[in-house]
Every structure is written in C-alpha cells, then in structure tokens.
Amino acid sequence: MGKIIKKLKADDIGDMGIGAMIVFIAMVLVAGIAASVLIQTANRLEIQAMKTGQETIGEVSTGLGVTAITGYRAVENLSLMTIAIQPRSGSFTIDLAQTYIELSDSNKKVVLMYGAEFQDTTDINGNFFTAGFYDGLSSTTFGVIVLEDADGSLSAATPVINKGDQVMLSVNLNLVFDGVPSLGLTTRTEVSGLIQPEEGAPGVFAFTTPSSFAADNVFSLY
C-alpha cells in the first residue's frame, strides 16, 4: 500500500512539473511576442518622430527673403517688374517651379506660377528689362533671372535655389493688370503680395507706386 501511495505522489509531482514547464514556455512566448510588438512600435515612433522633426525644422528655417523690387515704365504706366529674392539663413533648397506669387493692386488679385521663362547670368548684359526677358510671360506666369548661382543648381527645367543663390522674378505688369483700371500699374497704386515656396515661410512685400513717373523709366519700389 505504501509503495502505491509513494508511486502516485511521484506521478503527481511529475505532472505538476510538466504543467509548470508548459506554462513557463507559454509565458516566454507571450513575452517574446509582446517585446517584438513593442520594439516594432518604438521603431515606427522613432522614425515618425525623426521625420516630423525634419519637416518642422524645414518649415521653420526654410523661407524666402525679398531684397528689392524694381519697376520699369515703357510708355505711360509701369509695365514690367522684377522681384529680387534669396533663401533665408539656414533655409533648405527651394524649387521655384513649385513656388507661386500672389499679387494685388486693391482692384485685382492674381496668382502667378513659374512659366519656364529663364535667363542665366550670361544673358543679362547689364539690362534686366530687355524685352526678350518678358516675351514668354503671360498673365498667370513669372520668369526667373539668375543673379548668383555658384553651384549651378538653377536651370530652366529645375529652377532650384539654395544657400548663396540670388535671383530676380520677372513679371509682365501689362498682362497681369490689363485694364484694371488701366494697362500696367498707375501712379499712387498700393500693391501687396507674397512669394510662397512649397515649404517654409513666404517672402512678403508691400509698396506704393510713385506719385509721379516724371521722365524716369526705372523705379525702385521696395
């Protein structure tokens, strides 16, 4: 009888040991799966945080600065205009093909996109208002005149500016403001606008045209 009881106890102990092992293995497997999920989630969050951080840095640091605006009068009113811009300090690269200009004279507001009218530094020859620079423009497009491009990042197909680059954006005012109230910009006209890149802060400007054009043809507006 005692041997039977002893044998039963031994069998019970064996059963309990196998059950504990099964539970232990199951717990290890569950812990491993949970750890894997946590690691994958942490990796995704890290990647997303880095991406968001880069986008935030780009949004804050990237932007355009307007350095000068010049108008040209061919006959009666201002008919052509150039807007000199450059990237702000610490700015990422800016694609001018994905940049637009908002321009308003209080009577009409227009949006201009890049129109593939492109002039390199070698084309300027001392005159920003050469008629040929504006022939390809329309009432909804602006052109690019390159002033400084040390790394050659600017071309007609990919007008990309970065640190140290300086360009002028050319606008045909006769086409943009055609008959509101007259062709081009008249005297004492309040003009406001912005140049909005694809990413970052816009270059904002405002000016009033001269009270009299007198006999001059070129006017510093900003």
C-alpha atoms as a PDB file:
ATOM      1  CA  MET A   1       0.000   0.000   0.000  1.00  0.00           C
ATOM      2  CA  GLY A   2       2.767   2.387   0.918  1.00  0.00           C
ATOM      3  CA  LYS A   3       4.540   1.716  -2.371  1.00  0.00           C
ATOM      4  CA  ILE A   4       1.354   2.550  -4.302  1.00  0.00           C
ATOM      5  CA  ILE A   5       0.868   5.838  -2.456  1.00  0.00           C
ATOM      6  CA  LYS A   6       4.521   6.710  -2.996  1.00  0.00           C
ATOM      7  CA  LYS A   7       4.201   5.947  -6.711  1.00  0.00           C
ATOM      8  CA  LEU A   8       1.063   8.125  -7.036  1.00  0.00           C
ATOM      9  CA  LYS A   9       2.809  11.038  -5.339  1.00  0.00           C
ATOM     10  CA  ALA A  10       5.770  10.662  -7.664  1.00  0.00           C
ATOM     11  CA  ASP A  11       3.455  10.660 -10.686  1.00  0.00           C
ATOM     12  CA  ASP A  12       1.643  13.756  -9.375  1.00  0.00           C
ATOM     13  CA  ILE A  13       4.908  15.577  -8.896  1.00  0.00           C
ATOM     14  CA  GLY A  14       5.880  14.723 -12.465  1.00  0.00           C
ATOM     15  CA  ASP A  15       2.568  16.007 -13.811  1.00  0.00           C
ATOM     16  CA  MET A  16       2.917  19.251 -11.926  1.00  0.00           C
ATOM     17  CA  GLY A  17       6.463  19.735 -13.264  1.00  0.00           C
ATOM     18  CA  ILE A  18       5.355  19.262 -16.887  1.00  0.00           C
ATOM     19  CA  GLY A  19       2.406  21.650 -16.406  1.00  0.00           C
ATOM     20  CA  ALA A  20       4.640  24.311 -14.914  1.00  0.00           C
ATOM     21  CA  MET A  21       7.067  23.907 -17.821  1.00  0.00           C
ATOM     22  CA  ILE A  22       4.243  24.327 -20.350  1.00  0.00           C
ATOM     23  CA  VAL A  23       3.007  27.463 -18.574  1.00  0.00           C
ATOM     24  CA  PHE A  24       6.559  28.815 -18.387  1.00  0.00           C
ATOM     25  CA  ILE A  25       7.175  28.232 -22.102  1.00  0.00           C
ATOM     26  CA  ALA A  26       3.837  29.854 -22.943  1.00  0.00           C
ATOM     27  CA  MET A  27       4.736  32.893 -20.810  1.00  0.00           C
ATOM     28  CA  VAL A  28       8.119  33.161 -22.552  1.00  0.00           C
ATOM     29  CA  LEU A  29       6.458  33.008 -25.953  1.00  0.00           C
ATOM     30  CA  VAL A  30       3.874  35.632 -24.993  1.00  0.00           C
ATOM     31  CA  ALA A  31       6.596  37.872 -23.517  1.00  0.00           C
ATOM     32  CA  GLY A  32       8.685  37.472 -26.682  1.00  0.00           C
ATOM     33  CA  ILE A  33       5.764  38.370 -28.932  1.00  0.00           C
ATOM     34  CA  ALA A  34       4.885  41.369 -26.728  1.00  0.00           C
ATOM     35  CA  ALA A  35       8.516  42.518 -26.732  1.00  0.00           C
ATOM     36  CA  SER A  36       8.650  42.213 -30.535  1.00  0.00           C
ATOM     37  CA  VAL A  37       5.489  44.293 -30.904  1.00  0.00           C
ATOM     38  CA  LEU A  38       6.849  46.935 -28.508  1.00  0.00           C
ATOM     39  CA  ILE A  39      10.186  47.103 -30.371  1.00  0.00           C
ATOM     40  CA  GLN A  40       8.430  47.465 -33.739  1.00  0.00           C
ATOM     41  CA  THR A  41       6.143  50.169 -32.330  1.00  0.00           C
ATOM     42  CA  ALA A  42       9.104  52.001 -30.803  1.00  0.00           C
ATOM     43  CA  ASN A  43      10.960  51.875 -34.144  1.00  0.00           C
ATOM     44  CA  ARG A  44       7.951  53.241 -36.012  1.00  0.00           C
ATOM     45  CA  LEU A  45       7.535  56.037 -33.463  1.00  0.00           C
ATOM     46  CA  GLU A  46      11.230  56.896 -33.695  1.00  0.00           C
ATOM     47  CA  ILE A  47      11.113  57.056 -37.495  1.00  0.00           C
ATOM     48  CA  GLN A  48       7.935  59.150 -37.396  1.00  0.00           C
ATOM     49  CA  ALA A  49       9.439  61.473 -34.778  1.00  0.00           C
ATOM     50  CA  MET A  50      12.577  61.971 -36.881  1.00  0.00           C
ATOM     51  CA  LYS A  51      10.505  62.651 -39.986  1.00  0.00           C
ATOM     52  CA  THR A  52       8.274  65.103 -38.134  1.00  0.00           C
ATOM     53  CA  GLY A  53      11.331  66.795 -36.648  1.00  0.00           C
ATOM     54  CA  GLN A  54      12.940  67.229 -40.072  1.00  0.00           C
ATOM     55  CA  GLU A  55       9.709  68.608 -41.519  1.00  0.00           C
ATOM     56  CA  THR A  56       9.343  71.013 -38.596  1.00  0.00           C
ATOM     57  CA  ILE A  57      12.934  72.213 -38.948  1.00  0.00           C
ATOM     58  CA  GLY A  58      12.403  72.711 -42.674  1.00  0.00           C
ATOM     59  CA  GLU A  59       9.131  74.554 -42.132  1.00  0.00           C
ATOM     60  CA  VAL A  60      10.678  76.882 -39.534  1.00  0.00           C
ATOM     61  CA  SER A  61      14.073  77.552 -41.133  1.00  0.00           C
ATOM     62  CA  THR A  62      13.142  77.490 -44.829  1.00  0.00           C
ATOM     63  CA  GLY A  63      11.840  80.648 -46.443  1.00  0.00           C
ATOM     64  CA  LEU A  64      12.388  83.421 -48.949  1.00  0.00           C
ATOM     65  CA  GLY A  65      13.562  86.959 -48.349  1.00  0.00           C
ATOM     66  CA  VAL A  66      12.597  89.817 -50.675  1.00  0.00           C
ATOM     67  CA  THR A  67      15.588  92.146 -51.058  1.00  0.00           C
ATOM     68  CA  ALA A  68      14.407  94.589 -53.762  1.00  0.00           C
ATOM     69  CA  ILE A  69      11.583  95.314 -56.204  1.00  0.00           C
ATOM     70  CA  THR A  70      12.122  97.393 -59.335  1.00  0.00           C
ATOM     71  CA  GLY A  71       9.572  98.647 -61.835  1.00  0.00           C
ATOM     72  CA  TYR A  72      10.006  99.701 -65.455  1.00  0.00           C
ATOM     73  CA  ARG A  73       7.878 102.161 -67.429  1.00  0.00           C
ATOM     74  CA  ALA A  74       7.972 101.766 -71.201  1.00  0.00           C
ATOM     75  CA  VAL A  75       5.210 104.202 -72.178  1.00  0.00           C
ATOM     76  CA  GLU A  76       2.738 105.524 -69.625  1.00  0.00           C
ATOM     77  CA  ASN A  77       2.482 103.177 -66.624  1.00  0.00           C
ATOM     78  CA  LEU A  78       4.758 100.603 -65.022  1.00  0.00           C
ATOM     79  CA  SER A  79       4.769  97.726 -67.473  1.00  0.00           C
ATOM     80  CA  LEU A  80       7.475  95.380 -66.129  1.00  0.00           C
ATOM     81  CA  MET A  81       8.667  94.429 -62.662  1.00  0.00           C
ATOM     82  CA  THR A  82      11.448  92.381 -61.081  1.00  0.00           C
ATOM     83  CA  ILE A  83      11.417  90.987 -57.520  1.00  0.00           C
ATOM     84  CA  ALA A  84      14.869  90.127 -56.139  1.00  0.00           C
ATOM     85  CA  ILE A  85      14.806  87.182 -53.705  1.00  0.00           C
ATOM     86  CA  GLN A  86      17.200  84.869 -51.885  1.00  0.00           C
ATOM     87  CA  PRO A  87      16.831  81.956 -49.427  1.00  0.00           C
ATOM     88  CA  ARG A  88      16.798  82.849 -45.749  1.00  0.00           C
ATOM     89  CA  SER A  89      19.678  81.825 -43.495  1.00  0.00           C
ATOM     90  CA  GLY A  90      19.567  78.086 -42.785  1.00  0.00           C
ATOM     91  CA  SER A  91      16.983  77.505 -45.490  1.00  0.00           C
ATOM     92  CA  PHE A  92      16.613  74.176 -47.263  1.00  0.00           C
ATOM     93  CA  THR A  93      16.601  74.125 -51.068  1.00  0.00           C
ATOM     94  CA  ILE A  94      13.590  75.819 -52.683  1.00  0.00           C
ATOM     95  CA  ASP A  95      12.120  74.770 -56.013  1.00  0.00           C
ATOM     96  CA  LEU A  96      10.843  77.876 -57.788  1.00  0.00           C
ATOM     97  CA  ALA A  97       8.803  75.675 -60.124  1.00  0.00           C
ATOM     98  CA  GLN A  98       6.679  74.822 -57.069  1.00  0.00           C
ATOM     99  CA  THR A  99       6.552  78.432 -55.835  1.00  0.00           C
ATOM    100  CA  TYR A 100       3.778  80.926 -56.539  1.00  0.00           C
ATOM    101  CA  ILE A 101       3.386  84.711 -56.322  1.00  0.00           C
ATOM    102  CA  GLU A 102       0.254  86.404 -55.001  1.00  0.00           C
ATOM    103  CA  LEU A 103      -0.063  89.967 -56.267  1.00  0.00           C
ATOM    104  CA  SER A 104      -2.799  92.525 -55.605  1.00  0.00           C
ATOM    105  CA  ASP A 105      -3.337  96.182 -56.519  1.00  0.00           C
ATOM    106  CA  SER A 106      -6.529  96.515 -54.400  1.00  0.00           C
ATOM    107  CA  ASN A 107      -8.676  96.094 -57.533  1.00  0.00           C
ATOM    108  CA  LYS A 108      -7.418  92.750 -58.733  1.00  0.00           C
ATOM    109  CA  LYS A 109      -5.637  89.813 -57.125  1.00  0.00           C
ATOM    110  CA  VAL A 110      -3.647  87.347 -59.216  1.00  0.00           C
ATOM    111  CA  VAL A 111      -1.636  84.173 -58.634  1.00  0.00           C
ATOM    112  CA  LEU A 112       1.441  83.612 -60.788  1.00  0.00           C
ATOM    113  CA  MET A 113       3.319  80.339 -61.328  1.00  0.00           C
ATOM    114  CA  TYR A 114       6.712  79.695 -62.917  1.00  0.00           C
ATOM    115  CA  GLY A 115       6.365  79.843 -66.685  1.00  0.00           C
ATOM    116  CA  ALA A 116       9.733  78.441 -67.850  1.00  0.00           C
ATOM    117  CA  GLU A 117      10.935  81.940 -68.905  1.00  0.00           C
ATOM    118  CA  PHE A 118      14.536  81.620 -67.708  1.00  0.00           C
ATOM    119  CA  GLN A 119      17.559  83.905 -68.122  1.00  0.00           C
ATOM    120  CA  ASP A 120      21.037  82.951 -66.911  1.00  0.00           C
ATOM    121  CA  THR A 121      23.632  85.433 -65.644  1.00  0.00           C
ATOM    122  CA  THR A 122      25.359  85.426 -69.041  1.00  0.00           C
ATOM    123  CA  ASP A 123      22.140  86.651 -70.703  1.00  0.00           C
ATOM    124  CA  ILE A 124      21.717  89.821 -68.623  1.00  0.00           C
ATOM    125  CA  ASN A 125      24.355  92.030 -70.262  1.00  0.00           C
ATOM    126  CA  GLY A 126      23.639  94.911 -67.850  1.00  0.00           C
ATOM    127  CA  ASN A 127      19.904  95.270 -68.550  1.00  0.00           C
ATOM    128  CA  PHE A 128      17.231  93.461 -66.529  1.00  0.00           C
ATOM    129  CA  PHE A 129      14.445  94.931 -68.641  1.00  0.00           C
ATOM    130  CA  THR A 130      15.475  93.579 -72.009  1.00  0.00           C
ATOM    131  CA  ALA A 131      12.220  92.982 -73.868  1.00  0.00           C
ATOM    132  CA  GLY A 132      13.130  89.390 -74.704  1.00  0.00           C
ATOM    133  CA  PHE A 133      13.216  88.504 -70.998  1.00  0.00           C
ATOM    134  CA  TYR A 134       9.450  89.035 -70.783  1.00  0.00           C
ATOM    135  CA  ASP A 135       8.208  87.825 -74.166  1.00  0.00           C
ATOM    136  CA  GLY A 136       7.398  84.345 -72.904  1.00  0.00           C
ATOM    137  CA  LEU A 137       5.390  85.516 -69.877  1.00  0.00           C
ATOM    138  CA  SER A 138       1.609  85.527 -69.574  1.00  0.00           C
ATOM    139  CA  SER A 139      -0.965  86.975 -67.195  1.00  0.00           C
ATOM    140  CA  THR A 140      -0.514  83.946 -64.890  1.00  0.00           C
ATOM    141  CA  THR A 141       3.233  83.275 -65.043  1.00  0.00           C
ATOM    142  CA  PHE A 142       6.518  84.735 -63.801  1.00  0.00           C
ATOM    143  CA  GLY A 143      10.061  84.228 -65.072  1.00  0.00           C
ATOM    144  CA  VAL A 144      13.466  83.797 -63.446  1.00  0.00           C
ATOM    145  CA  ILE A 145      16.575  85.939 -63.998  1.00  0.00           C
ATOM    146  CA  VAL A 146      19.648  84.438 -62.314  1.00  0.00           C
ATOM    147  CA  LEU A 147      21.969  86.802 -60.438  1.00  0.00           C
ATOM    148  CA  GLU A 148      24.103  84.374 -58.419  1.00  0.00           C
ATOM    149  CA  ASP A 149      24.317  80.586 -58.701  1.00  0.00           C
ATOM    150  CA  ALA A 150      27.725  79.289 -57.637  1.00  0.00           C
ATOM    151  CA  ASP A 151      26.771  75.597 -57.586  1.00  0.00           C
ATOM    152  CA  GLY A 152      24.770  75.571 -60.836  1.00  0.00           C
ATOM    153  CA  SER A 153      21.537  74.446 -59.176  1.00  0.00           C
ATOM    154  CA  LEU A 154      19.406  76.706 -61.369  1.00  0.00           C
ATOM    155  CA  SER A 155      18.191  75.760 -64.832  1.00  0.00           C
ATOM    156  CA  ALA A 156      15.079  76.360 -66.915  1.00  0.00           C
ATOM    157  CA  ALA A 157      13.827  72.820 -66.198  1.00  0.00           C
ATOM    158  CA  THR A 158      14.785  72.770 -62.490  1.00  0.00           C
ATOM    159  CA  PRO A 159      14.977  76.303 -61.046  1.00  0.00           C
ATOM    160  CA  VAL A 160      16.171  75.287 -57.569  1.00  0.00           C
ATOM    161  CA  ILE A 161      17.801  77.854 -55.270  1.00  0.00           C
ATOM    162  CA  ASN A 162      19.851  77.194 -52.154  1.00  0.00           C
ATOM    163  CA  LYS A 163      22.363  78.930 -49.902  1.00  0.00           C
ATOM    164  CA  GLY A 164      24.080  81.837 -51.642  1.00  0.00           C
ATOM    165  CA  ASP A 165      21.804  81.914 -54.683  1.00  0.00           C
ATOM    166  CA  GLN A 166      20.120  85.151 -55.732  1.00  0.00           C
ATOM    167  CA  VAL A 167      17.528  85.534 -58.459  1.00  0.00           C
ATOM    168  CA  MET A 168      15.001  88.022 -59.800  1.00  0.00           C
ATOM    169  CA  LEU A 169      11.442  87.004 -60.536  1.00  0.00           C
ATOM    170  CA  SER A 170      10.183  88.818 -63.634  1.00  0.00           C
ATOM    171  CA  VAL A 171       6.554  89.904 -64.076  1.00  0.00           C
ATOM    172  CA  ASN A 172       4.828  91.459 -67.093  1.00  0.00           C
ATOM    173  CA  LEU A 173       2.528  94.009 -65.423  1.00  0.00           C
ATOM    174  CA  ASN A 174       0.794  94.904 -68.680  1.00  0.00           C
ATOM    175  CA  LEU A 175      -0.520  91.354 -68.921  1.00  0.00           C
ATOM    176  CA  VAL A 176      -1.193  90.850 -65.197  1.00  0.00           C
ATOM    177  CA  PHE A 177      -3.060  94.129 -64.702  1.00  0.00           C
ATOM    178  CA  ASP A 178      -4.700  94.521 -68.085  1.00  0.00           C
ATOM    179  CA  GLY A 179      -7.335  97.246 -67.898  1.00  0.00           C
ATOM    180  CA  VAL A 180      -7.958  97.337 -64.116  1.00  0.00           C
ATOM    181  CA  PRO A 181      -8.104 100.336 -64.040  1.00  0.00           C
ATOM    182  CA  SER A 182      -5.645 100.574 -66.969  1.00  0.00           C
ATOM    183  CA  LEU A 183      -2.750  98.702 -68.508  1.00  0.00           C
ATOM    184  CA  GLY A 184       0.074  98.051 -66.005  1.00  0.00           C
ATOM    185  CA  LEU A 185       0.405  99.873 -62.669  1.00  0.00           C
ATOM    186  CA  THR A 186      -0.557 103.539 -62.463  1.00  0.00           C
ATOM    187  CA  THR A 187       0.746 106.189 -60.048  1.00  0.00           C
ATOM    188  CA  ARG A 188      -0.142 106.065 -56.325  1.00  0.00           C
ATOM    189  CA  THR A 189      -1.204 102.421 -56.541  1.00  0.00           C
ATOM    190  CA  GLU A 190      -0.913 100.339 -53.368  1.00  0.00           C
ATOM    191  CA  VAL A 191       0.447  96.912 -54.161  1.00  0.00           C
ATOM    192  CA  SER A 192       0.849  93.970 -51.794  1.00  0.00           C
ATOM    193  CA  GLY A 193       1.948  90.403 -52.328  1.00  0.00           C
ATOM    194  CA  LEU A 194       3.840  87.359 -51.183  1.00  0.00           C
ATOM    195  CA  ILE A 195       6.072  84.717 -52.675  1.00  0.00           C
ATOM    196  CA  GLN A 196       5.119  81.335 -51.225  1.00  0.00           C
ATOM    197  CA  PRO A 197       7.548  78.408 -51.592  1.00  0.00           C
ATOM    198  CA  GLU A 198       6.412  74.797 -51.438  1.00  0.00           C
ATOM    199  CA  GLU A 199       7.771  74.566 -47.887  1.00  0.00           C
ATOM    200  CA  GLY A 200       8.593  77.312 -45.408  1.00  0.00           C
ATOM    201  CA  ALA A 201       7.812  80.969 -44.822  1.00  0.00           C
ATOM    202  CA  PRO A 202       6.796  83.262 -47.681  1.00  0.00           C
ATOM    203  CA  GLY A 203       8.537  86.445 -48.726  1.00  0.00           C
ATOM    204  CA  VAL A 204       6.040  89.236 -48.006  1.00  0.00           C
ATOM    205  CA  PHE A 205       6.149  92.708 -49.529  1.00  0.00           C
ATOM    206  CA  ALA A 206       4.088  95.862 -49.988  1.00  0.00           C
ATOM    207  CA  PHE A 207       4.752  99.151 -51.748  1.00  0.00           C
ATOM    208  CA  THR A 208       3.075 102.181 -53.302  1.00  0.00           C
ATOM    209  CA  THR A 209       3.949 103.278 -56.819  1.00  0.00           C
ATOM    210  CA  PRO A 210       5.404 106.815 -57.172  1.00  0.00           C
ATOM    211  CA  SER A 211       3.074 109.806 -57.162  1.00  0.00           C
ATOM    212  CA  SER A 212       4.574 110.850 -60.494  1.00  0.00           C
ATOM    213  CA  PHE A 213       6.599 108.956 -63.072  1.00  0.00           C
ATOM    214  CA  ALA A 214       8.151 112.150 -64.497  1.00  0.00           C
ATOM    215  CA  ALA A 215      10.701 111.327 -67.180  1.00  0.00           C
ATOM    216  CA  ASP A 216      12.209 108.294 -65.444  1.00  0.00           C
ATOM    217  CA  ASN A 217      11.823 104.763 -66.738  1.00  0.00           C
ATOM    218  CA  VAL A 218      13.212 102.655 -63.864  1.00  0.00           C
ATOM    219  CA  PHE A 219      11.858 102.933 -60.305  1.00  0.00           C
ATOM    220  CA  SER A 220      12.939 101.345 -57.021  1.00  0.00           C
ATOM    221  CA  LEU A 221       9.654 100.241 -55.439  1.00  0.00           C
ATOM    222  CA  TYR A 222      10.840  98.269 -52.391  1.00  0.00           C
END
